[in-house]
PDB file of N, CA and C in Angstrom:
ATOM      1  N   MET A   1     114.463  67.637  16.303  1.00  0.00           N
ATOM      2  CA  MET A   1     115.755  67.559  16.952  1.00  0.00           C
ATOM      3  C   MET A   1     116.819  67.849  15.912  1.00  0.00           C
ATOM      4  N   ILE A   2     117.842  68.519  16.413  1.00  0.00           N
ATOM      5  CA  ILE A   2     118.989  68.881  15.566  1.00  0.00           C
ATOM      6  C   ILE A   2     120.273  68.445  16.228  1.00  0.00           C
ATOM      7  N   ARG A   3     121.121  67.811  15.486  1.00  0.00           N
ATOM      8  CA  ARG A   3     122.428  67.419  16.050  1.00  0.00           C
ATOM      9  C   ARG A   3     123.333  68.675  16.084  1.00  0.00           C
ATOM     10  N   PHE A   4     124.175  68.693  17.127  1.00  0.00           N
ATOM     11  CA  PHE A   4     125.134  69.757  17.273  1.00  0.00           C
ATOM     12  C   PHE A   4     126.417  69.228  17.858  1.00  0.00           C
ATOM     13  N   ARG A   5     127.508  69.936  17.585  1.00  0.00           N
ATOM     14  CA  ARG A   5     128.822  69.458  18.082  1.00  0.00           C
ATOM     15  C   ARG A   5     129.170  69.907  19.502  1.00  0.00           C
ATOM     16  N   ASP A   6     128.759  71.106  19.812  1.00  0.00           N
ATOM     17  CA  ASP A   6     129.097  71.678  21.127  1.00  0.00           C
ATOM     18  C   ASP A   6     128.031  72.659  21.573  1.00  0.00           C
ATOM     19  N   GLU A   7     128.211  73.119  22.759  1.00  0.00           N
ATOM     20  CA  GLU A   7     127.237  74.100  23.350  1.00  0.00           C
ATOM     21  C   GLU A   7     127.078  75.347  22.510  1.00  0.00           C
ATOM     22  N   VAL A   8     128.169  75.917  22.036  1.00  0.00           N
ATOM     23  CA  VAL A   8     128.121  77.135  21.250  1.00  0.00           C
ATOM     24  C   VAL A   8     127.308  76.917  19.967  1.00  0.00           C
ATOM     25  N   GLU A   9     127.519  75.797  19.303  1.00  0.00           N
ATOM     26  CA  GLU A   9     126.792  75.514  18.059  1.00  0.00           C
ATOM     27  C   GLU A   9     125.286  75.329  18.363  1.00  0.00           C
ATOM     28  N   ALA A  10     124.995  74.662  19.496  1.00  0.00           N
ATOM     29  CA  ALA A  10     123.596  74.425  19.888  1.00  0.00           C
ATOM     30  C   ALA A  10     122.860  75.778  20.060  1.00  0.00           C
ATOM     31  N   VAL A  11     123.471  76.645  20.817  1.00  0.00           N
ATOM     32  CA  VAL A  11     122.863  77.979  21.089  1.00  0.00           C
ATOM     33  C   VAL A  11     122.728  78.761  19.792  1.00  0.00           C
ATOM     34  N   THR A  12     123.733  78.683  18.942  1.00  0.00           N
ATOM     35  CA  THR A  12     123.667  79.420  17.642  1.00  0.00           C
ATOM     36  C   THR A  12     122.560  78.904  16.778  1.00  0.00           C
ATOM     37  N   LEU A  13     122.394  77.591  16.694  1.00  0.00           N
ATOM     38  CA  LEU A  13     121.349  76.993  15.884  1.00  0.00           C
ATOM     39  C   LEU A  13     119.942  77.362  16.377  1.00  0.00           C
ATOM     40  N   VAL A  14     119.761  77.303  17.690  1.00  0.00           N
ATOM     41  CA  VAL A  14     118.476  77.650  18.242  1.00  0.00           C
ATOM     42  C   VAL A  14     118.164  79.127  18.032  1.00  0.00           C
ATOM     43  N   ASN A  15     119.116  79.981  18.271  1.00  0.00           N
ATOM     44  CA  ASN A  15     118.890  81.429  18.202  1.00  0.00           C
ATOM     45  C   ASN A  15     118.768  81.923  16.768  1.00  0.00           C
ATOM     46  N   ARG A  16     119.111  81.125  15.764  1.00  0.00           N
ATOM     47  CA  ARG A  16     118.899  81.484  14.353  1.00  0.00           C
ATOM     48  C   ARG A  16     117.460  81.289  13.950  1.00  0.00           C
ATOM     49  N   SER A  17     116.691  80.568  14.711  1.00  0.00           N
ATOM     50  CA  SER A  17     115.309  80.295  14.375  1.00  0.00           C
ATOM     51  C   SER A  17     114.516  81.579  14.419  1.00  0.00           C
ATOM     52  N   PRO A  18     113.557  81.745  13.516  1.00  0.00           N
ATOM     53  CA  PRO A  18     112.708  82.966  13.595  1.00  0.00           C
ATOM     54  C   PRO A  18     111.683  82.860  14.722  1.00  0.00           C
ATOM     55  N   TYR A  19     111.633  81.717  15.394  1.00  0.00           N
ATOM     56  CA  TYR A  19     110.688  81.515  16.477  1.00  0.00           C
ATOM     57  C   TYR A  19     111.379  81.500  17.829  1.00  0.00           C
ATOM     58  N   GLY A  20     110.620  81.630  18.875  1.00  0.00           N
ATOM     59  CA  GLY A  20     111.225  81.588  20.189  1.00  0.00           C
ATOM     60  C   GLY A  20     110.182  81.443  21.273  1.00  0.00           C
ATOM     61  N   LEU A  21     109.321  80.456  21.149  1.00  0.00           N
ATOM     62  CA  LEU A  21     108.263  80.312  22.155  1.00  0.00           C
ATOM     63  C   LEU A  21     108.877  79.704  23.441  1.00  0.00           C
ATOM     64  N   ALA A  22     109.442  78.548  23.300  1.00  0.00           N
ATOM     65  CA  ALA A  22     109.965  77.845  24.534  1.00  0.00           C
ATOM     66  C   ALA A  22     110.956  76.801  24.141  1.00  0.00           C
ATOM     67  N   ASN A  23     111.722  76.372  25.094  1.00  0.00           N
ATOM     68  CA  ASN A  23     112.689  75.300  24.889  1.00  0.00           C
ATOM     69  C   ASN A  23     112.954  74.615  26.206  1.00  0.00           C
ATOM     70  N   SER A  24     113.661  73.531  26.136  1.00  0.00           N
ATOM     71  CA  SER A  24     114.088  72.861  27.368  1.00  0.00           C
ATOM     72  C   SER A  24     115.507  72.367  27.191  1.00  0.00           C
ATOM     73  N   VAL A  25     116.278  72.491  28.273  1.00  0.00           N
ATOM     74  CA  VAL A  25     117.668  72.064  28.289  1.00  0.00           C
ATOM     75  C   VAL A  25     117.779  70.878  29.205  1.00  0.00           C
ATOM     76  N   TRP A  26     118.314  69.795  28.695  1.00  0.00           N
ATOM     77  CA  TRP A  26     118.386  68.539  29.465  1.00  0.00           C
ATOM     78  C   TRP A  26     119.868  68.164  29.692  1.00  0.00           C
ATOM     79  N   THR A  27     120.279  68.121  30.936  1.00  0.00           N
ATOM     80  CA  THR A  27     121.634  67.758  31.281  1.00  0.00           C
ATOM     81  C   THR A  27     121.743  67.503  32.779  1.00  0.00           C
ATOM     82  N   ARG A  28     122.753  66.755  33.178  1.00  0.00           N
ATOM     83  CA  ARG A  28     123.004  66.553  34.622  1.00  0.00           C
ATOM     84  C   ARG A  28     123.829  67.711  35.206  1.00  0.00           C
ATOM     85  N   ASN A  29     124.430  68.491  34.330  1.00  0.00           N
ATOM     86  CA  ASN A  29     125.309  69.603  34.743  1.00  0.00           C
ATOM     87  C   ASN A  29     124.460  70.894  34.860  1.00  0.00           C
ATOM     88  N   LEU A  30     124.061  71.228  36.075  1.00  0.00           N
ATOM     89  CA  LEU A  30     123.144  72.395  36.256  1.00  0.00           C
ATOM     90  C   LEU A  30     123.828  73.721  35.958  1.00  0.00           C
ATOM     91  N   THR A  31     125.114  73.824  36.127  1.00  0.00           N
ATOM     92  CA  THR A  31     125.824  75.042  35.769  1.00  0.00           C
ATOM     93  C   THR A  31     125.740  75.239  34.266  1.00  0.00           C
ATOM     94  N   ARG A  32     125.968  74.199  33.519  1.00  0.00           N
ATOM     95  CA  ARG A  32     125.855  74.290  32.057  1.00  0.00           C
ATOM     96  C   ARG A  32     124.396  74.569  31.662  1.00  0.00           C
ATOM     97  N   ALA A  33     123.470  73.904  32.303  1.00  0.00           N
ATOM     98  CA  ALA A  33     122.057  74.062  31.971  1.00  0.00           C
ATOM     99  C   ALA A  33     121.621  75.533  32.125  1.00  0.00           C
ATOM    100  N   ASN A  34     122.014  76.149  33.241  1.00  0.00           N
ATOM    101  CA  ASN A  34     121.701  77.568  33.467  1.00  0.00           C
ATOM    102  C   ASN A  34     122.339  78.471  32.430  1.00  0.00           C
ATOM    103  N   ARG A  35     123.595  78.198  32.109  1.00  0.00           N
ATOM    104  CA  ARG A  35     124.292  79.010  31.125  1.00  0.00           C
ATOM    105  C   ARG A  35     123.574  78.941  29.757  1.00  0.00           C
ATOM    106  N   VAL A  36     123.288  77.708  29.341  1.00  0.00           N
ATOM    107  CA  VAL A  36     122.651  77.540  28.018  1.00  0.00           C
ATOM    108  C   VAL A  36     121.206  78.123  28.032  1.00  0.00           C
ATOM    109  N   ALA A  37     120.447  77.811  29.046  1.00  0.00           N
ATOM    110  CA  ALA A  37     119.063  78.324  29.107  1.00  0.00           C
ATOM    111  C   ALA A  37     119.026  79.863  29.058  1.00  0.00           C
ATOM    112  N   GLU A  38     119.971  80.479  29.726  1.00  0.00           N
ATOM    113  CA  GLU A  38     120.014  81.963  29.707  1.00  0.00           C
ATOM    114  C   GLU A  38     120.472  82.505  28.374  1.00  0.00           C
ATOM    115  N   ALA A  39     121.211  81.726  27.601  1.00  0.00           N
ATOM    116  CA  ALA A  39     121.716  82.187  26.278  1.00  0.00           C
ATOM    117  C   ALA A  39     120.699  82.034  25.181  1.00  0.00           C
ATOM    118  N   LEU A  40     119.721  81.146  25.381  1.00  0.00           N
ATOM    119  CA  LEU A  40     118.723  80.887  24.320  1.00  0.00           C
ATOM    120  C   LEU A  40     117.654  81.981  24.299  1.00  0.00           C
ATOM    121  N   VAL A  41     117.314  82.417  23.080  1.00  0.00           N
ATOM    122  CA  VAL A  41     116.313  83.468  22.892  1.00  0.00           C
ATOM    123  C   VAL A  41     114.951  82.774  22.829  1.00  0.00           C
ATOM    124  N   ALA A  42     114.214  82.865  23.895  1.00  0.00           N
ATOM    125  CA  ALA A  42     112.866  82.246  23.997  1.00  0.00           C
ATOM    126  C   ALA A  42     112.127  82.875  25.149  1.00  0.00           C
ATOM    127  N   GLY A  43     110.805  82.771  25.065  1.00  0.00           N
ATOM    128  CA  GLY A  43     109.972  83.260  26.139  1.00  0.00           C
ATOM    129  C   GLY A  43     110.158  82.470  27.387  1.00  0.00           C
ATOM    130  N   ASN A  44     110.346  81.193  27.272  1.00  0.00           N
ATOM    131  CA  ASN A  44     110.535  80.319  28.438  1.00  0.00           C
ATOM    132  C   ASN A  44     111.589  79.278  28.156  1.00  0.00           C
ATOM    133  N   SER A  45     112.402  78.978  29.151  1.00  0.00           N
ATOM    134  CA  SER A  45     113.350  77.865  29.088  1.00  0.00           C
ATOM    135  C   SER A  45     113.175  77.010  30.293  1.00  0.00           C
ATOM    136  N   TRP A  46     113.017  75.751  30.125  1.00  0.00           N
ATOM    137  CA  TRP A  46     112.912  74.816  31.240  1.00  0.00           C
ATOM    138  C   TRP A  46     114.195  74.052  31.329  1.00  0.00           C
ATOM    139  N   ILE A  47     114.544  73.652  32.537  1.00  0.00           N
ATOM    140  CA  ILE A  47     115.761  72.838  32.771  1.00  0.00           C
ATOM    141  C   ILE A  47     115.281  71.495  33.279  1.00  0.00           C
ATOM    142  N   ASN A  48     115.631  70.448  32.551  1.00  0.00           N
ATOM    143  CA  ASN A  48     115.260  69.071  32.880  1.00  0.00           C
ATOM    144  C   ASN A  48     113.739  68.887  33.062  1.00  0.00           C
ATOM    145  N   ALA A  49     112.968  69.615  32.290  1.00  0.00           N
ATOM    146  CA  ALA A  49     111.546  69.523  32.348  1.00  0.00           C
ATOM    147  C   ALA A  49     110.989  70.261  31.098  1.00  0.00           C
ATOM    148  N   HIS A  50     109.709  70.170  30.870  1.00  0.00           N
ATOM    149  CA  HIS A  50     109.100  70.909  29.759  1.00  0.00           C
ATOM    150  C   HIS A  50     107.604  71.112  30.026  1.00  0.00           C
ATOM    151  N   ASN A  51     107.135  72.274  29.664  1.00  0.00           N
ATOM    152  CA  ASN A  51     105.721  72.624  29.830  1.00  0.00           C
ATOM    153  C   ASN A  51     105.215  72.607  31.278  1.00  0.00           C
ATOM    154  N   LEU A  52     106.030  73.116  32.171  1.00  0.00           N
ATOM    155  CA  LEU A  52     105.585  73.342  33.547  1.00  0.00           C
ATOM    156  C   LEU A  52     105.141  74.801  33.653  1.00  0.00           C
ATOM    157  N   PHE A  53     103.974  75.008  34.247  1.00  0.00           N
ATOM    158  CA  PHE A  53     103.429  76.373  34.289  1.00  0.00           C
ATOM    159  C   PHE A  53     103.037  76.717  35.754  1.00  0.00           C
ATOM    160  N   PRO A  54     103.980  77.007  36.557  1.00  0.00           N
ATOM    161  CA  PRO A  54     103.690  77.399  37.958  1.00  0.00           C
ATOM    162  C   PRO A  54     102.969  78.725  37.969  1.00  0.00           C
ATOM    163  N   LEU A  55     101.999  78.854  38.851  1.00  0.00           N
ATOM    164  CA  LEU A  55     101.227  80.113  38.994  1.00  0.00           C
ATOM    165  C   LEU A  55     102.153  81.288  39.228  1.00  0.00           C
ATOM    166  N   GLY A  56     101.950  82.344  38.490  1.00  0.00           N
ATOM    167  CA  GLY A  56     102.728  83.545  38.682  1.00  0.00           C
ATOM    168  C   GLY A  56     103.951  83.657  37.790  1.00  0.00           C
ATOM    169  N   VAL A  57     104.309  82.605  37.082  1.00  0.00           N
ATOM    170  CA  VAL A  57     105.506  82.660  36.209  1.00  0.00           C
ATOM    171  C   VAL A  57     104.975  83.088  34.815  1.00  0.00           C
ATOM    172  N   PRO A  58     105.460  84.220  34.282  1.00  0.00           N
ATOM    173  CA  PRO A  58     105.034  84.655  32.964  1.00  0.00           C
ATOM    174  C   PRO A  58     105.378  83.649  31.899  1.00  0.00           C
ATOM    175  N   TYR A  59     104.540  83.596  30.845  1.00  0.00           N
ATOM    176  CA  TYR A  59     104.767  82.696  29.740  1.00  0.00           C
ATOM    177  C   TYR A  59     104.479  83.464  28.476  1.00  0.00           C
ATOM    178  N   GLY A  60     105.369  83.421  27.549  1.00  0.00           N
ATOM    179  CA  GLY A  60     105.173  84.081  26.234  1.00  0.00           C
ATOM    180  C   GLY A  60     106.342  83.826  25.337  1.00  0.00           C
ATOM    181  N   GLY A  61     106.280  84.274  24.120  1.00  0.00           N
ATOM    182  CA  GLY A  61     107.309  83.973  23.156  1.00  0.00           C
ATOM    183  C   GLY A  61     108.119  85.202  22.744  1.00  0.00           C
ATOM    184  N   CYS A  62     109.087  84.935  21.861  1.00  0.00           N
ATOM    185  CA  CYS A  62     109.909  85.944  21.290  1.00  0.00           C
ATOM    186  C   CYS A  62     109.874  85.807  19.801  1.00  0.00           C
ATOM    187  N   ASN A  63     110.294  86.821  19.079  1.00  0.00           N
ATOM    188  CA  ASN A  63     110.370  86.818  17.615  1.00  0.00           C
ATOM    189  C   ASN A  63     109.003  86.519  17.045  1.00  0.00           C
ATOM    190  N   LEU A  64     108.906  85.591  16.069  1.00  0.00           N
ATOM    191  CA  LEU A  64     107.634  85.266  15.413  1.00  0.00           C
ATOM    192  C   LEU A  64     106.704  84.486  16.306  1.00  0.00           C
ATOM    193  N   SER A  65     107.151  84.075  17.491  1.00  0.00           N
ATOM    194  CA  SER A  65     106.299  83.372  18.409  1.00  0.00           C
ATOM    195  C   SER A  65     105.535  84.302  19.322  1.00  0.00           C
ATOM    196  N   GLY A  66     105.645  85.616  19.078  1.00  0.00           N
ATOM    197  CA  GLY A  66     104.893  86.524  19.863  1.00  0.00           C
ATOM    198  C   GLY A  66     105.744  87.529  20.594  1.00  0.00           C
ATOM    199  N   LEU A  67     105.090  88.408  21.256  1.00  0.00           N
ATOM    200  CA  LEU A  67     105.809  89.475  21.970  1.00  0.00           C
ATOM    201  C   LEU A  67     105.861  89.199  23.494  1.00  0.00           C
ATOM    202  N   GLY A  68     105.543  88.020  23.889  1.00  0.00           N
ATOM    203  CA  GLY A  68     105.524  87.723  25.300  1.00  0.00           C
ATOM    204  C   GLY A  68     104.069  87.652  25.799  1.00  0.00           C
ATOM    205  N   GLY A  69     103.944  87.526  27.004  1.00  0.00           N
ATOM    206  CA  GLY A  69     102.589  87.436  27.576  1.00  0.00           C
ATOM    207  C   GLY A  69     102.726  87.064  29.011  1.00  0.00           C
ATOM    208  N   GLY A  70     101.647  86.982  29.701  1.00  0.00           N
ATOM    209  CA  GLY A  70     101.733  86.702  31.102  1.00  0.00           C
ATOM    210  C   GLY A  70     100.782  85.650  31.532  1.00  0.00           C
ATOM    211  N   VAL A  71     100.599  84.602  30.756  1.00  0.00           N
ATOM    212  CA  VAL A  71      99.701  83.549  31.136  1.00  0.00           C
ATOM    213  C   VAL A  71     100.003  83.168  32.571  1.00  0.00           C
ATOM    214  N   LEU A  72      98.978  83.111  33.386  1.00  0.00           N
ATOM    215  CA  LEU A  72      99.070  82.720  34.779  1.00  0.00           C
ATOM    216  C   LEU A  72      99.780  83.759  35.660  1.00  0.00           C
ATOM    217  N   SER A  73      99.851  85.009  35.162  1.00  0.00           N
ATOM    218  CA  SER A  73     100.489  86.016  35.990  1.00  0.00           C
ATOM    219  C   SER A  73      99.818  87.366  35.771  1.00  0.00           C
ATOM    220  N   PRO A  74     100.120  88.363  36.576  1.00  0.00           N
ATOM    221  CA  PRO A  74      99.509  89.664  36.405  1.00  0.00           C
ATOM    222  C   PRO A  74      99.802  90.289  35.038  1.00  0.00           C
ATOM    223  N   GLU A  75     100.938  89.886  34.389  1.00  0.00           N
ATOM    224  CA  GLU A  75     101.249  90.442  33.096  1.00  0.00           C
ATOM    225  C   GLU A  75     100.205  90.102  32.034  1.00  0.00           C
ATOM    226  N   THR A  76      99.431  89.085  32.243  1.00  0.00           N
ATOM    227  CA  THR A  76      98.326  88.761  31.307  1.00  0.00           C
ATOM    228  C   THR A  76      97.413  89.959  31.128  1.00  0.00           C
ATOM    229  N   TYR A  77      97.031  90.561  32.236  1.00  0.00           N
ATOM    230  CA  TYR A  77      96.130  91.714  32.193  1.00  0.00           C
ATOM    231  C   TYR A  77      96.753  92.860  31.346  1.00  0.00           C
ATOM    232  N   LEU A  78      98.037  93.071  31.475  1.00  0.00           N
ATOM    233  CA  LEU A  78      98.712  94.144  30.766  1.00  0.00           C
ATOM    234  C   LEU A  78      98.710  93.897  29.274  1.00  0.00           C
ATOM    235  N   ASP A  79      98.644  92.655  28.830  1.00  0.00           N
ATOM    236  CA  ASP A  79      98.584  92.368  27.402  1.00  0.00           C
ATOM    237  C   ASP A  79      97.319  92.966  26.758  1.00  0.00           C
ATOM    238  N   TYR A  80      96.301  93.200  27.524  1.00  0.00           N
ATOM    239  CA  TYR A  80      95.036  93.709  26.999  1.00  0.00           C
ATOM    240  C   TYR A  80      94.887  95.225  27.091  1.00  0.00           C
ATOM    241  N   LEU A  81      95.883  95.862  27.625  1.00  0.00           N
ATOM    242  CA  LEU A  81      95.895  97.319  27.800  1.00  0.00           C
ATOM    243  C   LEU A  81      96.717  97.978  26.709  1.00  0.00           C
ATOM    244  N   ARG A  82      96.339  99.162  26.332  1.00  0.00           N
ATOM    245  CA  ARG A  82      97.082  99.961  25.377  1.00  0.00           C
ATOM    246  C   ARG A  82      97.090 101.369  25.860  1.00  0.00           C
ATOM    247  N   ALA A  83      98.287 101.935  25.909  1.00  0.00           N
ATOM    248  CA  ALA A  83      98.395 103.325  26.379  1.00  0.00           C
ATOM    249  C   ALA A  83      97.854 104.207  25.295  1.00  0.00           C
ATOM    250  N   GLN A  84      97.148 105.271  25.681  1.00  0.00           N
ATOM    251  CA  GLN A  84      96.593 106.243  24.723  1.00  0.00           C
ATOM    252  C   GLN A  84      96.580 107.629  25.346  1.00  0.00           C
ATOM    253  N   SER A  85      97.052 108.592  24.549  1.00  0.00           N
ATOM    254  CA  SER A  85      97.012 109.999  24.985  1.00  0.00           C
ATOM    255  C   SER A  85      95.997 110.726  24.129  1.00  0.00           C
ATOM    256  N   VAL A  86      95.155 111.520  24.793  1.00  0.00           N
ATOM    257  CA  VAL A  86      94.259 112.441  24.099  1.00  0.00           C
ATOM    258  C   VAL A  86      94.633 113.823  24.551  1.00  0.00           C
ATOM    259  N   VAL A  87      95.073 114.682  23.586  1.00  0.00           N
ATOM    260  CA  VAL A  87      95.587 116.002  23.904  1.00  0.00           C
ATOM    261  C   VAL A  87      94.799 117.024  23.166  1.00  0.00           C
ATOM    262  N   ARG A  88      94.405 118.058  23.864  1.00  0.00           N
ATOM    263  CA  ARG A  88      93.677 119.160  23.219  1.00  0.00           C
ATOM    264  C   ARG A  88      94.141 120.454  23.893  1.00  0.00           C
ATOM    265  N   PRO A  89      94.016 121.559  23.159  1.00  0.00           N
ATOM    266  CA  PRO A  89      94.424 122.844  23.742  1.00  0.00           C
ATOM    267  C   PRO A  89      93.412 123.220  24.847  1.00  0.00           C
ATOM    268  N   LEU A  90      93.882 123.890  25.851  1.00  0.00           N
ATOM    269  CA  LEU A  90      93.019 124.358  26.955  1.00  0.00           C
ATOM    270  C   LEU A  90      92.373 125.663  26.515  1.00  0.00           C
ATOM    271  N   GLY A  91      91.120 125.831  26.805  1.00  0.00           N
ATOM    272  CA  GLY A  91      90.411 127.109  26.500  1.00  0.00           C
ATOM    273  C   GLY A  91      89.625 127.095  25.226  1.00  0.00           C
TER     274      GLY A  91
END
């Protein structure tokens, strides 16, 4: 936990981290919660909850926490694919 003076400082402190797996925003003010959650650099942001994994919602990180992922969603499959071109002259 880190103390902060205001919303701007909180977002700045979080976004300075080299990690960005997940976070949660806790407040009674849902307008503020949405604004802050959308400003935070992370794979997932929860509002008034943490570690909820509904089926179909992608889960993954940012920065040193990974490149994202699709746990519990179709994007999981795409994490295992790699595009490849094989080109040769005809004839």
